[in-house]
Amino acid sequence: MGAFRLQALVANAKQLIKHNNKHQRDVPKGYMAVYVGEIQMKRFVVPLSYLDQPLFQDLLRRSEEEYGFNHPMGGLTIPCCEEAFVRLTSQLHVS
């Protein structure tokens, strides 16, 4: 994937977050709500700094492949199992 496409993914994610944060008052500034799951979606609130992390960017690519830029939950939807997401965000939190 080229650098331009990755920049477009991150920019689109930021736009989606900006739009959704206007409607989600319970998300603190500097964070975003994401929906994770393969069948049943669970909502997580994660720091925006994750957008700069290669592991999280891989999830954004997978999200684009699965949903394009139309996310059925109204927020950023990530198609992976909850346990894998928790492990990944634990790794990012330690970094």
Protein backbone atom coordinates (compact mmCIF):
# COMPACT_ATOMS: atom_id res chain seq x y z
CA MET A 1 0.00 0.00 0.00
CA GLY A 2 1.40 3.34 -0.98
CA ALA A 3 2.05 6.19 1.39
CA PHE A 4 -0.61 8.29 -0.34
CA ARG A 5 -3.29 5.66 0.24
CA LEU A 6 -2.28 5.27 3.88
CA GLN A 7 -2.51 9.05 4.34
CA ALA A 8 -5.98 8.96 2.78
CA LEU A 9 -7.04 6.18 5.20
CA VAL A 10 -5.85 8.13 8.23
CA ALA A 11 -7.41 11.36 6.94
CA ASN A 12 -10.73 9.63 6.35
CA ALA A 13 -10.62 8.05 9.80
CA LYS A 14 -9.96 11.47 11.33
CA GLN A 15 -12.93 12.96 9.45
CA LEU A 16 -15.19 10.13 10.60
CA ILE A 17 -13.99 10.62 14.18
CA LYS A 18 -14.51 14.38 14.01
CA HIS A 19 -18.05 13.91 12.69
CA ASN A 20 -18.96 11.25 15.25
CA ASN A 21 -17.40 13.04 18.22
CA LYS A 22 -19.86 15.90 17.70
CA HIS A 23 -22.62 13.40 18.42
CA GLN A 24 -20.90 11.41 21.16
CA ARG A 25 -20.48 13.64 24.15
CA ASP A 26 -19.12 10.83 26.33
CA VAL A 27 -15.89 10.53 24.29
CA PRO A 28 -13.15 12.67 25.88
CA LYS A 29 -11.14 15.06 23.75
CA GLY A 30 -8.17 13.25 22.22
CA TYR A 31 -10.02 9.93 22.05
CA MET A 32 -12.31 8.17 19.61
CA ALA A 33 -14.98 5.53 19.81
CA VAL A 34 -14.53 2.42 17.68
CA TYR A 35 -16.73 -0.62 17.28
CA VAL A 36 -14.98 -3.97 17.28
CA GLY A 37 -16.21 -7.46 16.59
CA GLU A 38 -16.93 -10.00 13.94
CA ILE A 39 -20.58 -10.67 14.80
CA GLN A 40 -21.52 -8.68 17.88
CA MET A 41 -19.92 -5.23 18.03
CA LYS A 42 -18.47 -3.82 21.24
CA ARG A 43 -17.64 -0.15 21.66
CA PHE A 44 -14.16 0.90 22.80
CA VAL A 45 -12.77 4.39 23.42
CA VAL A 46 -9.13 4.66 22.35
CA PRO A 47 -6.61 7.53 22.08
CA LEU A 48 -6.26 9.32 18.75
CA SER A 49 -2.51 8.70 18.99
CA TYR A 50 -3.24 5.12 17.87
CA LEU A 51 -3.85 6.48 14.35
CA ASP A 52 -0.08 6.96 14.01
CA GLN A 53 0.76 3.38 15.01
CA PRO A 54 1.49 0.81 12.23
CA LEU A 55 -0.43 -1.95 14.04
CA PHE A 56 -3.54 0.22 14.29
CA GLN A 57 -3.11 1.39 10.69
CA ASP A 58 -3.28 -2.25 9.67
CA LEU A 59 -6.69 -2.43 11.35
CA LEU A 60 -7.74 0.68 9.41
CA ARG A 61 -6.76 -1.04 6.15
CA ARG A 62 -8.79 -4.11 7.09
CA SER A 63 -11.71 -1.87 7.99
CA GLU A 64 -11.50 -0.17 4.59
CA GLU A 65 -11.41 -3.53 2.82
CA GLU A 66 -14.45 -4.76 4.75
CA TYR A 67 -16.61 -1.64 4.87
CA GLY A 68 -15.05 0.92 2.54
CA PHE A 69 -15.87 4.25 4.09
CA ASN A 70 -19.45 3.28 4.97
CA HIS A 71 -19.44 2.10 8.57
CA PRO A 72 -22.71 0.45 9.62
CA MET A 73 -22.41 1.33 13.32
CA GLY A 74 -22.14 5.07 12.62
CA GLY A 75 -18.59 5.09 13.97
CA LEU A 76 -15.32 3.54 12.94
CA THR A 77 -15.99 -0.20 12.73
CA ILE A 78 -13.05 -2.60 12.94
CA PRO A 79 -13.57 -6.19 11.73
CA CYS A 80 -11.52 -8.26 14.17
CA CYS A 81 -12.29 -10.31 17.22
CA GLU A 82 -12.51 -8.47 20.52
CA GLU A 83 -9.68 -10.46 22.11
CA ALA A 84 -7.25 -9.59 19.29
CA PHE A 85 -8.19 -5.91 19.55
CA VAL A 86 -7.61 -5.89 23.30
CA ARG A 87 -4.19 -7.57 22.85
CA LEU A 88 -3.21 -5.05 20.15
CA THR A 89 -4.29 -2.01 22.14
CA SER A 90 -2.48 -3.38 25.19
CA GLN A 91 0.71 -3.50 23.10
CA LEU A 92 0.13 0.07 21.89
CA HIS A 93 -0.56 1.30 25.41
CA VAL A 94 2.77 -0.06 26.64
CA SER A 95 4.69 1.52 23.73
